Amino acid sequence: MRFKIGSMVLGLCLASSGWAEPTISQDVLDAVASDGSARIMVRLDVPFTPEGELSEAEIAAQRSLIADTQDSFESELKSSINNSGIDDPSGIGGAISLINKAIKFETVAYVAMQVTGVSLSAMLNDDSVARISLDRPDDASLTSGLKVIGADVVHADGNTGAGQTVAVVGSGVDSLPNVLGEHEACFSTANDSLVNKVSSVCPSGELEQTGTGAGAACDVFNCDHESKVAQVLTAVAPDVSLIPVQVYSEFALACSGPMPCGRSYQSDQVRALEYLLKLKQDGVDISAVNLSLNGGVKQAGSCDDDSRKESVDNLLSVGVVTIASAGNQGFADGVQAPACISSVVAVGATDASGGIAEFSNRGGELDLLAPGVMSVGGEDLQGTSYAAPMVVGSYALVRAAKPDADIAEVMGLLRDSGQEVDGMTRIRVDKVISNTEFCESGNINVNNVVKICINGNCNSSGVKITCNSENCQWCNANNNCDNILYNNVTSISGGSISCIKGQCNYNVKIGNGGSSSGSFSCASKVAGFEKLTLTVTKPANGTITTTDNTINCGETCQADYEIG
């Protein structure tokens, strides 16, 4: 997303037609030449505006135009093939039969279908065709981070993501109690290609299924992937509600491991994103979508010609952010689709040492980092697939704490409050929403706020407290923390400061019998300011005065400050 969501929300309107001419990707031509057929995504020449920017009447009109153009395209394609007098002799049903099996989407102007050379040639002469791309099957993005991102601190504050709903799109999810069964779905593909037989893995055996059990994990190689992704997500946000959407199909061949295997066509992912858009429009308050899938090709820049882009923008326009894994090829200057889509949040992985994982893709298209090496349920996991749900879970925690925050605000907070790692940001959700944050390295000059007076002497300039992420100590103006002089005369003879998650207590002995004790909390810099709370208790035989006349001190005094 490159953190352009603010401008995306304001300017998602892409309502411009006038495609110059049909374009076709080389991999489509190569597939037809080598295999005799290819599965493609056809973008039709229809103006498009994300539905969140439209009125109900305008949404209906845009959907009607899409449907009419799809029907016309299909009719013209059949007519062109019939008039040529040639049908496809390859034995996979003929060109007309394949057209009858095409998938037409309701909210975006695409048609997914299997084509042969005959049907491909015919559609190249159709003025309604804008772009033809390969319906590429994606794979799982494979290769303990709760404390690293501060989720444990947020949980201790009582925030576990309750009330938030997120979708996990991939191989399906098994055996988690917080699945919204009535909204589960499956979108899968089947074809009888002689090159690679593909079968539906929906539990019903159909190509589409919704309702309880529809989003269950498939049972071939790779099909346990999203169950692990969901485990990571719910470790970060234990009470978030999940909508699993299964988009895998069973491939007899073309597997990176054992055969058969589960892979996901982009067209089925578009069907899933369209389904989630309709759920949102029907009142299901989905806040985020996890896509731990990638297509294996390096993208050094944005890939906004990807067939999933308009579906992602539809979701973004109604307040649903799509978060995707960057991929595990170790690219230094690129990520994989769909993470390269400019309106998707691209997530890379850090390793156990806190640095960028060697396997993680990175570069200008990367938005955030999160732990990608961890142990869940006794199993060691590794991959950007598991970094992405860390961010999705953190997003849900922030939305639970800040329900009125929009996508741009939440993503900005996660970016601005995170930890810098090699020029990129690793998330720290506790820095965004926790009430007990760690101190950042730096000085807290107590005497600029409250003077500690012993025997009437209140001139305590030069004494300060220096804090880091774990503890604080008394130091002088020269950062000498050993033999500190109070008022440049009386030695601070002893005492202690202890801090736990930003809440500090101190007790200091000054001179012959004088002492002072109190507490303060320090917060990291968030949204441009630091918050400092200081409480001081009156020492024996002493008084407390302040340089701020708005503070009334008796036995104790306390104040909150926004510094910087």
Protein backbone atom coordinates (compact mmCIF):
# COMPACT_ATOMS: atom_id res chain seq x y z
CA MET A 1 0.00 0.00 0.00
CA ARG A 2 3.06 2.24 0.38
CA PHE A 3 0.91 4.17 2.92
CA LYS A 4 -1.04 5.90 0.19
CA ILE A 5 -4.35 4.77 1.67
CA GLY A 6 -5.23 8.32 2.69
CA SER A 7 -5.15 9.45 -0.91
CA MET A 8 -6.75 6.18 -2.07
CA VAL A 9 -9.77 6.79 0.17
CA LEU A 10 -10.14 10.30 -1.21
CA GLY A 11 -9.47 9.45 -4.82
CA LEU A 12 -10.39 5.88 -5.62
CA CYS A 13 -12.50 6.90 -8.59
CA LEU A 14 -11.05 5.21 -11.65
CA ALA A 15 -14.03 5.93 -13.86
CA SER A 16 -12.25 6.25 -17.16
CA SER A 17 -12.72 4.12 -20.23
CA GLY A 18 -10.93 4.44 -23.51
CA TRP A 19 -8.50 1.55 -23.33
CA ALA A 20 -6.17 2.02 -26.31
CA GLU A 21 -6.35 -1.54 -27.62
CA PRO A 22 -6.57 -5.07 -26.24
CA THR A 23 -3.33 -6.12 -24.57
CA ILE A 24 -2.32 -9.70 -23.95
CA SER A 25 0.44 -10.90 -21.68
CA GLN A 26 3.17 -13.04 -23.22
CA ASP A 27 2.64 -15.84 -20.72
CA VAL A 28 -0.89 -16.37 -22.13
CA LEU A 29 0.52 -16.83 -25.64
CA ASP A 30 3.26 -19.12 -24.34
CA ALA A 31 0.75 -21.29 -22.44
CA VAL A 32 -1.54 -21.71 -25.45
CA ALA A 33 1.42 -22.48 -27.71
CA SER A 34 2.89 -25.11 -25.38
CA ASP A 35 -0.24 -26.65 -23.83
CA GLY A 36 -2.96 -25.98 -26.38
CA SER A 37 -5.05 -24.02 -23.89
CA ALA A 38 -4.73 -21.56 -21.01
CA ARG A 39 -6.88 -20.27 -18.19
CA ILE A 40 -7.20 -16.50 -18.51
CA MET A 41 -8.72 -13.38 -16.96
CA VAL A 42 -10.35 -11.03 -19.51
CA ARG A 43 -10.73 -7.38 -18.46
CA LEU A 44 -13.58 -5.82 -20.44
CA ASP A 45 -13.62 -2.18 -21.50
CA VAL A 46 -16.05 -0.89 -18.85
CA PRO A 47 -15.57 2.25 -16.71
CA PHE A 48 -15.03 1.34 -13.05
CA THR A 49 -15.50 3.21 -9.78
CA PRO A 50 -15.08 1.41 -6.40
CA GLU A 51 -18.54 0.81 -5.01
CA GLY A 52 -17.88 2.61 -1.73
CA GLU A 53 -17.72 5.83 -3.74
CA LEU A 54 -21.15 5.26 -5.34
CA SER A 55 -24.78 5.60 -4.32
CA GLU A 56 -27.02 2.52 -4.32
CA ALA A 57 -28.47 3.56 -7.68
CA GLU A 58 -25.00 4.08 -9.14
CA ILE A 59 -23.85 0.68 -7.85
CA ALA A 60 -26.83 -0.98 -9.53
CA ALA A 61 -26.12 0.88 -12.78
CA GLN A 62 -22.44 -0.08 -12.79
CA ARG A 63 -23.22 -3.74 -12.07
CA SER A 64 -25.83 -3.75 -14.84
CA LEU A 65 -23.33 -2.33 -17.33
CA ILE A 66 -20.78 -4.96 -16.30
CA ALA A 67 -23.32 -7.78 -16.73
CA ASP A 68 -24.53 -6.49 -20.11
CA THR A 69 -20.93 -6.19 -21.39
CA GLN A 70 -20.08 -9.70 -20.17
CA ASP A 71 -23.13 -11.19 -21.86
CA SER A 72 -22.39 -9.33 -25.09
CA PHE A 73 -18.76 -10.46 -25.02
CA GLU A 74 -19.77 -14.09 -24.53
CA SER A 75 -22.36 -13.92 -27.32
CA GLU A 76 -20.01 -12.23 -29.78
CA LEU A 77 -17.24 -14.72 -28.99
CA LYS A 78 -19.49 -17.71 -29.69
CA SER A 79 -20.76 -16.11 -32.88
CA SER A 80 -17.24 -15.41 -34.11
CA ILE A 81 -16.16 -19.03 -33.50
CA ASN A 82 -19.31 -20.43 -35.13
CA ASN A 83 -18.88 -18.22 -38.19
CA SER A 84 -15.28 -19.36 -38.57
CA GLY A 85 -16.50 -22.91 -39.13
CA ILE A 86 -13.72 -24.25 -36.90
CA ASP A 87 -14.17 -25.78 -33.51
CA ASP A 88 -11.38 -26.82 -31.21
CA PRO A 89 -10.16 -30.39 -31.83
CA SER A 90 -8.09 -30.74 -28.65
CA GLY A 91 -10.48 -33.06 -26.85
CA ILE A 92 -11.21 -30.82 -23.87
CA GLY A 93 -14.75 -29.99 -24.81
CA GLY A 94 -14.39 -27.57 -27.70
CA ALA A 95 -14.09 -23.81 -27.64
CA ILE A 96 -17.84 -23.21 -27.31
CA SER A 97 -18.13 -25.64 -24.42
CA LEU A 98 -15.34 -23.85 -22.58
CA ILE A 99 -17.03 -20.48 -23.05
CA ASN A 100 -20.16 -21.92 -21.43
CA LYS A 101 -18.09 -22.66 -18.31
CA ALA A 102 -16.78 -19.08 -18.00
CA ILE A 103 -17.00 -17.28 -14.66
CA LYS A 104 -18.56 -13.80 -14.78
CA PHE A 105 -18.10 -11.47 -11.81
CA GLU A 106 -20.82 -9.16 -10.56
CA THR A 107 -18.80 -6.21 -9.22
CA VAL A 108 -15.75 -6.06 -11.53
CA ALA A 109 -15.62 -6.22 -15.33
CA TYR A 110 -13.75 -9.51 -15.65
CA VAL A 111 -14.49 -12.90 -17.16
CA ALA A 112 -12.41 -15.96 -16.20
CA MET A 113 -12.28 -18.84 -18.66
CA GLN A 114 -10.24 -21.57 -20.32
CA VAL A 115 -9.30 -20.70 -23.90
CA THR A 116 -7.78 -22.45 -26.88
CA GLY A 117 -5.98 -20.83 -29.79
CA VAL A 118 -9.27 -20.55 -31.68
CA SER A 119 -11.17 -18.70 -28.96
CA LEU A 120 -8.15 -16.56 -28.05
CA SER A 121 -7.76 -15.39 -31.65
CA ALA A 122 -11.46 -14.57 -31.82
CA MET A 123 -11.47 -12.39 -28.72
CA LEU A 124 -8.44 -10.40 -29.89
CA ASN A 125 -10.71 -8.89 -32.53
CA ASP A 126 -13.37 -7.91 -29.97
CA ASP A 127 -13.46 -4.16 -29.23
CA SER A 128 -14.93 -4.83 -25.78
CA VAL A 129 -11.74 -6.60 -24.63
CA ALA A 130 -9.24 -4.35 -22.84
CA ARG A 131 -6.71 -6.77 -21.36
CA ILE A 132 -6.03 -10.52 -21.27
CA SER A 133 -3.84 -11.97 -18.54
CA LEU A 134 -3.04 -15.45 -17.29
CA ASP A 135 -5.22 -16.71 -14.45
CA ARG A 136 -2.11 -17.72 -12.62
CA PRO A 137 -2.39 -20.23 -9.77
CA ASP A 138 -0.83 -18.91 -6.56
CA ASP A 139 0.88 -20.92 -3.84
CA ALA A 140 1.10 -20.65 -0.08
CA SER A 141 3.77 -18.18 1.03
CA LEU A 142 5.80 -20.60 3.19
CA THR A 143 9.32 -20.91 4.32
CA SER A 144 7.45 -16.35 19.35
CA GLY A 145 6.52 -13.10 18.00
CA LEU A 146 3.78 -11.88 20.43
CA LYS A 147 6.28 -10.22 22.74
CA VAL A 148 8.20 -8.74 19.82
CA ILE A 149 5.14 -6.81 18.60
CA GLY A 150 3.88 -6.08 22.13
CA ALA A 151 0.61 -8.03 21.80
CA ASP A 152 1.10 -9.56 25.25
CA VAL A 153 1.07 -6.08 26.78
CA VAL A 154 -2.14 -5.21 24.94
CA HIS A 155 -3.76 -8.45 26.12
CA ALA A 156 -2.79 -7.61 29.70
CA ASP A 157 -4.68 -4.34 29.29
CA GLY A 158 -7.82 -6.33 28.40
CA ASN A 159 -7.79 -5.87 24.61
CA THR A 160 -8.07 -9.17 22.73
CA GLY A 161 -9.74 -7.94 19.54
CA ALA A 162 -13.29 -8.72 20.62
CA GLY A 163 -15.90 -7.23 18.30
CA GLN A 164 -13.63 -7.27 15.25
CA THR A 165 -14.17 -9.51 12.20
CA VAL A 166 -11.48 -10.43 9.69
CA ALA A 167 -11.40 -12.76 6.69
CA VAL A 168 -8.71 -15.32 5.92
CA VAL A 169 -8.61 -16.15 2.20
CA GLY A 170 -6.63 -19.25 1.24
CA SER A 171 -6.70 -22.99 1.83
CA GLY A 172 -9.47 -23.00 4.45
CA VAL A 173 -9.43 -23.12 8.24
CA ASP A 174 -10.14 -26.01 10.61
CA SER A 175 -10.86 -26.32 14.33
CA LEU A 176 -11.02 -22.75 15.61
CA PRO A 177 -13.88 -21.72 17.92
CA ASN A 178 -14.25 -18.14 16.70
CA VAL A 179 -15.18 -18.96 13.08
CA LEU A 180 -18.42 -17.34 11.86
CA GLY A 181 -19.77 -20.49 10.26
CA GLU A 182 -22.74 -18.91 8.54
CA HIS A 183 -20.38 -16.72 6.50
CA GLU A 184 -17.83 -19.35 5.48
CA ALA A 185 -17.36 -19.81 1.74
CA CYS A 186 -15.50 -21.84 -0.87
CA PHE A 187 -14.62 -20.91 -4.45
CA SER A 188 -12.80 -23.58 -6.42
CA THR A 189 -12.13 -24.57 -10.03
CA ALA A 190 -12.38 -27.77 -12.07
CA ASN A 191 -11.25 -28.51 -15.59
CA ASP A 192 -10.31 -31.58 -17.57
CA SER A 193 -7.20 -30.22 -19.25
CA LEU A 194 -5.01 -32.99 -20.58
CA VAL A 195 -2.02 -30.96 -19.42
CA ASN A 196 -3.06 -30.61 -15.78
CA LYS A 197 -6.33 -31.90 -14.38
CA VAL A 198 -7.74 -29.51 -11.77
CA SER A 199 -10.54 -30.47 -9.37
CA SER A 200 -12.75 -28.56 -6.96
CA VAL A 201 -12.03 -29.08 -3.26
CA CYS A 202 -15.22 -27.49 -1.93
CA PRO A 203 -16.75 -29.92 0.61
CA SER A 204 -19.90 -30.18 -1.52
CA GLY A 205 -17.91 -31.00 -4.64
CA GLU A 206 -19.37 -27.95 -6.37
CA LEU A 207 -17.40 -24.95 -7.63
CA GLU A 208 -18.97 -22.62 -5.07
CA GLN A 209 -20.33 -23.19 -1.57
CA THR A 210 -21.32 -20.97 1.37
CA GLY A 211 -22.38 -21.65 4.94
CA THR A 212 -21.06 -23.64 7.87
CA GLY A 213 -18.20 -25.91 6.86
CA ALA A 214 -17.70 -24.34 3.42
CA GLY A 215 -14.42 -22.71 4.50
CA ALA A 216 -12.91 -25.88 5.93
CA ALA A 217 -9.37 -26.79 4.93
CA CYS A 218 -8.94 -28.97 1.88
CA ASP A 219 -7.10 -32.29 2.29
CA VAL A 220 -4.21 -32.30 -0.18
CA PHE A 221 -0.64 -30.98 0.11
CA ASN A 222 -0.50 -27.29 1.23
CA CYS A 223 -4.07 -27.34 2.52
CA ASP A 224 -3.13 -26.88 6.18
CA HIS A 225 -1.56 -23.51 5.43
CA GLU A 226 -4.40 -21.13 6.33
CA SER A 227 -5.20 -23.08 9.51
CA LYS A 228 -1.69 -22.12 10.67
CA VAL A 229 -2.18 -18.55 9.46
CA ALA A 230 -5.41 -18.34 11.45
CA GLN A 231 -3.64 -19.71 14.54
CA VAL A 232 -1.08 -16.91 14.32
CA LEU A 233 -3.80 -14.31 13.79
CA THR A 234 -5.83 -15.48 16.77
CA ALA A 235 -2.72 -15.63 18.95
CA VAL A 236 -2.36 -11.89 18.31
CA ALA A 237 -6.11 -11.16 18.60
CA PRO A 238 -7.61 -14.11 20.54
CA ASP A 239 -11.23 -12.94 20.44
CA VAL A 240 -11.42 -11.73 16.84
CA SER A 241 -14.11 -13.34 14.68
CA LEU A 242 -12.91 -15.19 11.58
CA ILE A 243 -14.48 -15.70 8.17
CA PRO A 244 -12.51 -18.42 6.34
CA VAL A 245 -12.85 -18.38 2.56
CA GLN A 246 -11.38 -21.42 0.80
CA VAL A 247 -10.01 -20.60 -2.68
CA TYR A 248 -7.80 -23.60 -3.42
CA SER A 249 -8.23 -26.22 -6.11
CA GLU A 250 -6.59 -29.64 -6.38
CA PHE A 251 -3.85 -29.77 -9.03
CA ALA A 252 -2.85 -33.20 -10.26
CA LEU A 253 0.46 -31.84 -11.59
CA ALA A 254 2.49 -28.58 -11.52
CA CYS A 255 3.13 -28.87 -7.79
CA SER A 256 6.17 -27.56 -5.92
CA GLY A 257 5.98 -30.56 -3.56
CA PRO A 258 4.00 -33.80 -3.36
CA MET A 259 1.25 -34.36 -5.93
CA PRO A 260 -1.62 -33.69 -5.96
CA CYS A 261 -1.41 -30.29 -4.28
CA GLY A 262 -3.55 -27.30 -3.42
CA ARG A 263 -3.09 -24.06 -5.38
CA SER A 264 -5.31 -21.02 -5.88
CA TYR A 265 -6.41 -19.43 -9.16
CA GLN A 266 -6.55 -15.65 -9.08
CA SER A 267 -10.09 -15.81 -10.47
CA ASP A 268 -11.20 -17.73 -7.38
CA GLN A 269 -9.56 -15.07 -5.21
CA VAL A 270 -11.53 -12.40 -7.07
CA ARG A 271 -14.70 -14.38 -6.40
CA ALA A 272 -13.76 -14.48 -2.71
CA LEU A 273 -13.08 -10.73 -2.53
CA GLU A 274 -16.36 -10.02 -4.31
CA TYR A 275 -18.18 -12.26 -1.81
CA LEU A 276 -16.61 -10.38 1.12
CA LEU A 277 -17.61 -7.04 -0.41
CA LYS A 278 -21.23 -8.18 -0.53
CA LEU A 279 -21.05 -9.39 3.09
CA LYS A 280 -19.76 -5.97 4.13
CA GLN A 281 -22.51 -4.23 2.18
CA ASP A 282 -25.05 -6.53 3.86
CA GLY A 283 -23.92 -5.41 7.32
CA VAL A 284 -21.18 -7.89 8.31
CA ASP A 285 -18.57 -5.55 9.79
CA ILE A 286 -15.40 -6.98 8.24
CA SER A 287 -12.36 -4.81 8.91
CA ALA A 288 -9.49 -6.68 7.19
CA VAL A 289 -8.63 -9.47 4.76
CA ASN A 290 -5.54 -11.67 5.04
CA LEU A 291 -3.94 -12.94 1.80
CA SER A 292 -0.92 -15.14 2.52
CA LEU A 293 -0.56 -16.12 -1.13
CA ASN A 294 1.88 -15.18 -3.86
CA GLY A 295 2.51 -15.89 -7.51
CA GLY A 296 6.27 -16.39 -7.54
CA VAL A 297 7.21 -13.53 -9.89
CA LYS A 298 9.25 -10.57 -8.62
CA GLN A 299 7.60 -7.17 -8.99
CA ALA A 300 10.05 -4.28 -8.55
CA GLY A 301 7.22 -1.74 -8.71
CA SER A 302 3.47 -1.67 -8.25
CA CYS A 303 1.38 -4.16 -10.26
CA ASP A 304 -1.90 -2.31 -10.62
CA ASP A 305 -2.77 -4.22 -13.79
CA ASP A 306 -3.29 -7.28 -11.56
CA SER A 307 -6.78 -8.75 -11.97
CA ARG A 308 -7.39 -8.48 -8.21
CA LYS A 309 -6.75 -4.71 -8.02
CA GLU A 310 -10.32 -3.52 -8.59
CA SER A 311 -11.73 -6.03 -6.09
CA VAL A 312 -9.20 -4.83 -3.50
CA ASP A 313 -10.22 -1.23 -4.24
CA ASN A 314 -13.89 -2.11 -3.85
CA LEU A 315 -13.16 -3.44 -0.37
CA LEU A 316 -10.97 -0.46 0.51
CA SER A 317 -13.73 1.93 -0.51
CA VAL A 318 -16.09 0.39 2.07
CA GLY A 319 -13.52 0.32 4.88
CA VAL A 320 -11.90 -3.11 4.49
CA VAL A 321 -8.10 -3.27 4.21
CA THR A 322 -6.34 -6.12 2.38
CA ILE A 323 -3.04 -7.25 3.92
CA ALA A 324 -0.76 -9.64 2.02
CA SER A 325 2.53 -11.47 2.49
CA ALA A 326 5.48 -10.12 0.48
CA GLY A 327 6.88 -13.56 -0.45
CA ASN A 328 9.89 -15.64 0.53
CA GLN A 329 12.39 -15.45 -2.31
CA GLY A 330 14.73 -13.02 -0.54
CA PHE A 331 14.34 -10.35 -3.24
CA ALA A 332 16.12 -7.16 -2.16
CA ASP A 333 14.20 -4.94 -4.57
CA GLY A 334 10.77 -6.42 -5.10
CA VAL A 335 7.78 -8.31 -3.73
CA GLN A 336 5.27 -10.72 -5.25
CA ALA A 337 1.65 -10.29 -6.26
CA PRO A 338 -0.77 -9.53 -4.75
CA ALA A 339 1.45 -7.64 -2.26
CA CYS A 340 2.68 -5.43 -5.12
CA ILE A 341 -0.81 -3.97 -5.67
CA SER A 342 -0.56 -0.35 -4.52
CA SER A 343 -3.74 -0.53 -2.42
CA VAL A 344 -2.63 -3.70 -0.59
CA VAL A 345 -0.55 -3.57 2.60
CA ALA A 346 2.61 -5.59 1.86
CA VAL A 347 4.20 -7.34 4.85
CA GLY A 348 7.74 -8.65 5.12
CA ALA A 349 9.23 -10.82 7.87
CA THR A 350 11.81 -10.42 10.61
CA ASP A 351 13.73 -13.35 12.07
CA ALA A 352 14.40 -14.47 15.63
CA SER A 353 17.20 -11.89 16.02
CA GLY A 354 14.86 -9.02 15.10
CA GLY A 355 16.49 -8.28 11.74
CA ILE A 356 14.89 -8.71 8.34
CA ALA A 357 14.66 -12.43 7.62
CA GLU A 358 16.97 -13.63 4.88
CA PHE A 359 14.07 -15.25 3.04
CA SER A 360 11.81 -12.17 3.15
CA ASN A 361 11.21 -10.09 0.05
CA ARG A 362 11.66 -6.36 0.54
CA GLY A 363 12.04 -3.11 -1.39
CA GLY A 364 10.03 0.00 -2.12
CA GLU A 365 6.70 -1.82 -2.29
CA LEU A 366 7.03 -3.16 1.27
CA ASP A 367 4.91 -1.42 3.90
CA LEU A 368 5.51 -3.14 7.24
CA LEU A 369 7.56 -5.83 8.93
CA ALA A 370 6.39 -8.38 11.50
CA PRO A 371 7.88 -11.55 12.98
CA GLY A 372 7.93 -14.38 10.44
CA VAL A 373 9.79 -17.00 12.49
CA MET A 374 7.85 -18.43 15.42
CA SER A 375 6.46 -21.47 17.15
CA VAL A 376 2.70 -22.04 17.24
CA GLY A 377 1.15 -25.05 18.93
CA GLY A 378 4.56 -26.68 19.22
CA GLU A 379 5.26 -26.34 15.49
CA ASP A 380 8.02 -24.11 14.14
CA LEU A 381 6.73 -21.79 11.41
CA GLN A 382 8.68 -19.63 9.00
CA GLY A 383 7.55 -17.31 6.23
CA THR A 384 6.00 -13.98 5.34
CA SER A 385 2.71 -15.93 5.37
CA TYR A 386 2.88 -15.72 9.16
CA ALA A 387 4.06 -12.11 9.29
CA ALA A 388 0.92 -10.94 7.44
CA PRO A 389 -1.56 -12.29 10.04
CA MET A 390 0.57 -10.64 12.75
CA VAL A 391 -0.32 -7.34 11.10
CA VAL A 392 -3.97 -8.33 10.54
CA GLY A 393 -4.30 -9.27 14.22
CA SER A 394 -2.62 -6.03 15.30
CA TYR A 395 -4.93 -4.08 13.02
CA ALA A 396 -7.89 -5.73 14.76
CA LEU A 397 -6.50 -4.81 18.20
CA VAL A 398 -6.10 -1.17 17.21
CA ARG A 399 -9.60 -1.06 15.71
CA ALA A 400 -10.98 -2.58 18.93
CA ALA A 401 -9.30 0.19 20.93
CA LYS A 402 -10.06 2.95 18.40
CA PRO A 403 -13.32 1.96 16.66
CA ASP A 404 -13.70 5.35 14.98
CA ALA A 405 -10.23 5.26 13.37
CA ASP A 406 -10.21 4.78 9.60
CA ILE A 407 -7.79 2.61 7.64
CA ALA A 408 -5.31 5.41 6.97
CA GLU A 409 -5.18 6.38 10.66
CA VAL A 410 -4.69 2.82 11.91
CA MET A 411 -1.99 2.03 9.36
CA GLY A 412 -0.29 5.33 10.11
CA LEU A 413 -0.23 4.55 13.82
CA LEU A 414 1.24 1.08 13.21
CA ARG A 415 3.91 2.62 11.00
CA ASP A 416 4.79 5.62 13.17
CA SER A 417 4.93 3.74 16.46
CA GLY A 418 6.93 0.75 15.22
CA GLN A 419 10.60 -0.05 15.51
CA GLU A 420 12.97 0.84 12.68
CA VAL A 421 14.71 -2.17 11.14
CA ASP A 422 17.03 -1.45 8.21
CA GLY A 423 14.97 1.53 7.14
CA MET A 424 11.64 -0.28 7.47
CA THR A 425 9.09 -0.48 10.27
CA ARG A 426 8.45 -3.54 12.43
CA ILE A 427 5.11 -3.17 14.16
CA ARG A 428 4.74 -2.59 17.92
CA VAL A 429 1.02 -2.60 18.60
CA ASP A 430 1.52 -1.88 22.29
CA LYS A 431 3.06 1.47 21.37
CA VAL A 432 -0.21 2.40 19.68
CA ILE A 433 -2.78 1.45 22.30
CA SER A 434 -1.28 0.18 25.55
CA ASN A 435 -1.70 2.17 28.75
CA THR A 436 1.62 0.86 30.08
CA GLU A 437 4.26 1.52 27.50
CA PHE A 438 8.00 1.09 27.82
CA CYS A 439 10.18 4.19 28.12
CA GLU A 440 12.12 5.17 25.06
CA SER A 441 15.79 5.97 25.54
CA GLY A 442 16.21 9.56 26.71
CA ASN A 443 16.09 11.88 29.68
CA ILE A 444 13.19 12.78 31.88
CA ASN A 445 14.17 15.99 33.64
CA VAL A 446 12.09 15.67 36.79
CA ASN A 447 13.17 19.06 38.09
CA ASN A 448 11.65 20.87 35.14
CA VAL A 449 8.31 19.64 36.41
CA VAL A 450 8.48 19.25 40.20
CA LYS A 451 11.17 20.44 42.57
CA ILE A 452 11.99 18.22 45.53
CA CYS A 453 12.66 20.38 48.57
CA ILE A 454 14.71 19.21 51.56
CA ASN A 455 14.76 21.42 54.67
CA GLY A 456 13.42 24.29 52.63
CA ASN A 457 16.10 24.04 49.96
CA CYS A 458 14.35 23.64 46.62
CA ASN A 459 17.25 24.34 44.26
CA SER A 460 17.56 20.93 42.68
CA SER A 461 18.56 21.80 39.13
CA GLY A 462 20.88 19.39 37.37
CA VAL A 463 19.42 16.16 38.74
CA LYS A 464 17.49 14.05 36.25
CA ILE A 465 16.36 10.52 35.51
CA THR A 466 17.71 8.70 32.46
CA CYS A 467 15.53 5.90 31.08
CA ASN A 468 15.81 3.20 28.46
CA SER A 469 13.42 0.42 27.47
CA GLU A 470 14.11 -1.55 30.65
CA ASN A 471 15.05 0.74 33.55
CA CYS A 472 15.74 4.26 34.78
CA GLN A 473 18.45 5.77 36.95
CA TRP A 474 19.41 9.10 38.52
CA CYS A 475 22.02 11.05 36.58
CA ASN A 476 23.42 14.56 36.60
CA ALA A 477 23.47 17.06 33.77
CA ASN A 478 26.66 15.51 32.41
CA ASN A 479 25.06 12.04 32.37
CA ASN A 480 27.26 10.96 35.28
CA CYS A 481 25.18 8.37 37.08
CA ASP A 482 27.61 7.43 39.88
CA ASN A 483 28.38 10.04 42.60
CA ILE A 484 25.61 12.55 41.96
CA LEU A 485 25.51 15.82 43.87
CA TYR A 486 22.18 17.27 44.92
CA ASN A 487 22.29 21.06 44.60
CA ASN A 488 25.95 20.58 43.64
CA VAL A 489 26.73 20.17 47.33
CA THR A 490 24.92 17.26 48.94
CA SER A 491 25.56 13.79 47.63
CA ILE A 492 22.72 11.49 46.65
CA SER A 493 23.76 8.73 49.00
CA GLY A 494 21.50 5.94 47.84
CA GLY A 495 18.14 4.97 46.56
CA SER A 496 16.48 3.05 43.78
CA ILE A 497 14.38 3.41 40.64
CA SER A 498 12.42 0.47 39.24
CA CYS A 499 10.33 0.46 36.07
CA ILE A 500 7.93 -2.15 34.75
CA LYS A 501 6.45 -1.47 31.33
CA GLY A 502 6.77 2.27 31.73
CA GLN A 503 5.52 2.56 35.32
CA CYS A 504 8.41 3.69 37.51
CA ASN A 505 8.82 4.04 41.26
CA TYR A 506 11.76 5.83 42.86
CA ASN A 507 13.18 6.34 46.32
CA VAL A 508 16.28 8.45 46.78
CA LYS A 509 18.33 9.34 49.88
CA ILE A 510 19.79 12.80 49.91
CA GLY A 511 22.48 14.01 52.31
CA ASN A 512 22.12 13.26 56.00
CA GLY A 513 18.77 11.58 56.33
CA GLY A 514 16.84 13.41 53.64
CA SER A 515 14.83 11.28 51.23
CA SER A 516 12.23 11.52 48.53
CA SER A 517 10.04 8.96 46.86
CA GLY A 518 7.40 8.90 44.17
CA SER A 519 6.39 7.41 40.87
CA PHE A 520 6.03 8.39 37.26
CA SER A 521 5.14 6.75 33.96
CA CYS A 522 6.77 7.43 30.64
CA ALA A 523 5.32 6.71 27.25
CA SER A 524 7.02 6.44 23.91
CA LYS A 525 6.58 9.16 21.34
CA VAL A 526 3.29 8.56 19.53
CA ALA A 527 1.66 10.95 17.07
CA GLY A 528 4.19 13.68 17.80
CA PHE A 529 4.22 13.95 21.58
CA GLU A 530 5.39 12.28 24.76
CA LYS A 531 3.17 11.82 27.76
CA LEU A 532 4.79 12.06 31.18
CA THR A 533 2.94 11.45 34.43
CA LEU A 534 4.85 12.42 37.57
CA THR A 535 3.78 11.81 41.16
CA VAL A 536 5.86 13.12 44.08
CA THR A 537 5.33 12.45 47.80
CA LYS A 538 6.43 15.07 50.32
CA PRO A 539 9.72 14.10 52.02
CA ALA A 540 10.21 14.17 55.78
CA ASN A 541 10.54 17.73 57.15
CA GLY A 542 10.08 19.09 53.63
CA THR A 543 7.67 20.69 51.26
CA ILE A 544 6.86 20.28 47.58
CA THR A 545 6.68 23.22 45.22
CA THR A 546 6.13 23.27 41.47
CA THR A 547 7.11 25.51 38.61
CA ASP A 548 3.61 25.03 37.20
CA ASN A 549 1.10 27.06 39.24
CA THR A 550 -1.79 24.95 37.93
CA ILE A 551 -0.67 22.02 40.12
CA ASN A 552 -1.84 22.02 43.73
CA CYS A 553 0.43 20.00 46.00
CA GLY A 554 -0.33 18.76 49.48
CA GLU A 555 1.10 15.50 50.77
CA THR A 556 1.46 14.46 47.10
CA CYS A 557 1.08 16.05 43.70
CA GLN A 558 0.61 14.56 40.27
CA ALA A 559 0.32 15.90 36.75
CA ASP A 560 0.27 14.70 33.13
CA TYR A 561 2.33 16.47 30.50
CA GLU A 562 2.61 16.34 26.74
CA ILE A 563 6.24 17.15 26.04
CA GLY A 564 7.73 17.91 22.65
